[in-house]
C-alpha atoms as a PDB file:
ATOM      1  CA  MET A   1      18.204  34.926  77.241  1.00  0.00           C
ATOM      2  CA  ASP A   2      18.019  36.839  74.271  1.00  0.00           C
ATOM      3  CA  VAL A   3      18.934  34.083  71.446  1.00  0.00           C
ATOM      4  CA  ILE A   4      19.697  36.078  68.219  1.00  0.00           C
ATOM      5  CA  HIS A   5      19.584  33.642  64.776  1.00  0.00           C
ATOM      6  CA  ASP A   6      21.848  35.082  62.059  1.00  0.00           C
ATOM      7  CA  ALA A   7      20.117  33.160  58.863  1.00  0.00           C
ATOM      8  CA  ASP A   8      22.954  34.603  56.660  1.00  0.00           C
ATOM      9  CA  ALA A   9      25.828  32.645  58.990  1.00  0.00           C
ATOM     10  CA  ARG A  10      23.476  29.813  59.632  1.00  0.00           C
ATOM     11  CA  GLN A  11      23.899  30.278  63.477  1.00  0.00           C
ATOM     12  CA  PHE A  12      22.049  31.116  66.744  1.00  0.00           C
ATOM     13  CA  HIS A  13      24.316  32.698  69.293  1.00  0.00           C
ATOM     14  CA  VAL A  14      23.644  34.555  72.537  1.00  0.00           C
ATOM     15  CA  ASP A  15      26.087  36.594  74.563  1.00  0.00           C
ATOM     16  CA  VAL A  16      26.256  35.998  78.256  1.00  0.00           C
ATOM     17  CA  GLU A  17      28.833  37.803  80.453  1.00  0.00           C
ATOM     18  CA  GLY A  18      31.118  38.447  77.689  1.00  0.00           C
ATOM     19  CA  HIS A  19      31.052  34.979  76.352  1.00  0.00           C
ATOM     20  CA  ARG A  20      29.244  33.382  73.360  1.00  0.00           C
ATOM     21  CA  GLY A  21      27.331  30.299  73.316  1.00  0.00           C
ATOM     22  CA  ILE A  22      26.694  29.009  69.407  1.00  0.00           C
ATOM     23  CA  ILE A  23      24.704  26.811  67.426  1.00  0.00           C
ATOM     24  CA  ASP A  24      25.537  26.244  63.913  1.00  0.00           C
ATOM     25  CA  TYR A  25      23.590  24.676  61.361  1.00  0.00           C
ATOM     26  CA  THR A  26      23.472  23.614  57.558  1.00  0.00           C
ATOM     27  CA  LEU A  27      20.080  24.287  55.664  1.00  0.00           C
ATOM     28  CA  ARG A  28      19.248  22.562  52.370  1.00  0.00           C
ATOM     29  CA  ASP A  29      15.852  21.401  50.886  1.00  0.00           C
ATOM     30  CA  GLY A  30      13.866  22.135  53.772  1.00  0.00           C
ATOM     31  CA  VAL A  31      16.181  20.228  56.390  1.00  0.00           C
ATOM     32  CA  MET A  32      18.264  22.092  59.419  1.00  0.00           C
ATOM     33  CA  ALA A  33      21.050  19.791  60.034  1.00  0.00           C
ATOM     34  CA  ILE A  34      22.423  21.279  63.764  1.00  0.00           C
ATOM     35  CA  THR A  35      25.917  20.302  63.615  1.00  0.00           C
ATOM     36  CA  HIS A  36      27.444  21.870  66.403  1.00  0.00           C
ATOM     37  CA  THR A  37      26.292  23.411  69.881  1.00  0.00           C
ATOM     38  CA  GLY A  38      29.014  25.405  71.875  1.00  0.00           C
ATOM     39  CA  VAL A  39      29.370  26.829  75.073  1.00  0.00           C
ATOM     40  CA  PRO A  40      32.127  28.404  76.713  1.00  0.00           C
ATOM     41  CA  PRO A  41      32.950  26.496  80.436  1.00  0.00           C
ATOM     42  CA  ALA A  42      32.787  30.142  81.942  1.00  0.00           C
ATOM     43  CA  ILE A  43      28.950  30.456  81.215  1.00  0.00           C
ATOM     44  CA  GLY A  44      28.289  26.522  81.284  1.00  0.00           C
ATOM     45  CA  GLY A  45      25.544  25.119  83.106  1.00  0.00           C
ATOM     46  CA  ARG A  46      23.469  27.559  83.054  1.00  0.00           C
ATOM     47  CA  GLY A  47      20.549  26.124  80.509  1.00  0.00           C
ATOM     48  CA  VAL A  48      22.597  28.322  77.860  1.00  0.00           C
ATOM     49  CA  ALA A  49      22.770  25.607  75.708  1.00  0.00           C
ATOM     50  CA  ALA A  50      19.258  24.340  76.057  1.00  0.00           C
ATOM     51  CA  GLU A  51      17.826  27.848  75.179  1.00  0.00           C
ATOM     52  CA  LEU A  52      19.966  27.926  71.801  1.00  0.00           C
ATOM     53  CA  THR A  53      18.692  24.523  70.798  1.00  0.00           C
ATOM     54  CA  ARG A  54      15.288  25.128  71.980  1.00  0.00           C
ATOM     55  CA  ALA A  55      15.236  28.405  69.765  1.00  0.00           C
ATOM     56  CA  ALA A  56      16.479  26.405  66.804  1.00  0.00           C
ATOM     57  CA  LEU A  57      14.025  23.840  66.966  1.00  0.00           C
ATOM     58  CA  GLU A  58      11.171  26.100  67.475  1.00  0.00           C
ATOM     59  CA  THR A  59      12.722  28.728  64.143  1.00  0.00           C
ATOM     60  CA  ALA A  60      12.527  25.044  62.491  1.00  0.00           C
ATOM     61  CA  ARG A  61       8.852  24.277  63.142  1.00  0.00           C
ATOM     62  CA  ARG A  62       7.866  27.682  62.224  1.00  0.00           C
ATOM     63  CA  GLU A  63       9.936  27.475  58.955  1.00  0.00           C
ATOM     64  CA  GLY A  64       8.306  23.898  58.301  1.00  0.00           C
ATOM     65  CA  TRP A  65      11.797  22.500  58.326  1.00  0.00           C
ATOM     66  CA  LYS A  66      12.715  19.121  59.277  1.00  0.00           C
ATOM     67  CA  VAL A  67      15.885  18.349  61.563  1.00  0.00           C
ATOM     68  CA  VAL A  68      18.520  16.298  61.673  1.00  0.00           C
ATOM     69  CA  PRO A  69      19.938  16.423  64.993  1.00  0.00           C
ATOM     70  CA  ALA A  70      23.975  15.777  64.008  1.00  0.00           C
ATOM     71  CA  CYS A  71      25.433  17.173  67.041  1.00  0.00           C
ATOM     72  CA  SER A  72      24.995  14.933  69.615  1.00  0.00           C
ATOM     73  CA  TYR A  73      24.140  17.834  72.406  1.00  0.00           C
ATOM     74  CA  ALA A  74      20.999  18.315  69.803  1.00  0.00           C
ATOM     75  CA  ALA A  75      20.171  14.509  69.834  1.00  0.00           C
ATOM     76  CA  ALA A  76      20.171  14.398  73.380  1.00  0.00           C
ATOM     77  CA  PHE A  77      17.857  17.321  73.720  1.00  0.00           C
ATOM     78  CA  ILE A  78      15.469  16.474  71.548  1.00  0.00           C
ATOM     79  CA  ARG A  79      15.216  12.871  73.108  1.00  0.00           C
ATOM     80  CA  ARG A  80      14.705  14.808  76.766  1.00  0.00           C
ATOM     81  CA  HIS A  81      11.988  16.938  75.185  1.00  0.00           C
ATOM     82  CA  PRO A  82       9.720  14.838  72.616  1.00  0.00           C
ATOM     83  CA  GLU A  83       7.256  17.680  72.287  1.00  0.00           C
ATOM     84  CA  PHE A  84      10.146  18.346  69.194  1.00  0.00           C
ATOM     85  CA  ALA A  85      10.799  14.444  68.094  1.00  0.00           C
ATOM     86  CA  ALA A  86       8.108  15.007  65.189  1.00  0.00           C
ATOM     87  CA  LEU A  87      10.509  17.479  63.523  1.00  0.00           C
ATOM     88  CA  VAL A  88      13.045  14.959  62.997  1.00  0.00           C
ATOM     89  CA  ALA A  89      13.983  13.963  59.964  1.00  0.00           C
ATOM     90  CA  GLY A  90      13.863  10.103  59.360  1.00  0.00           C
ATOM     91  CA  GLY A  91      12.605   9.423  62.903  1.00  0.00           C
ATOM     92  CA  SER A  92      13.928   9.797  66.085  1.00  0.00           C
ATOM     93  CA  PRO A  93      17.444  10.962  67.255  1.00  0.00           C
ATOM     94  CA  ARG A  94      20.139   8.627  67.336  1.00  0.00           C
END
């Protein structure tokens, strides 16, 4: 999947079969808050949300940002992938 980072819109997105999956985030003082993950049902179950989340977290790591997984999907993803736990601002995800 070709995940696109639109830094101006504070969004990661990927288009699959005419449908768009997205992650929205805010960025302040070096802290990325992942606020929403959305994948249409038509492309659900294919790992789209996981790819988006991985791209967001890898970007945060590369940029030296901390992460607040405000979205429940992002928090669950980090719990399942402890290699990203060190990015979480203030400790482990909820």
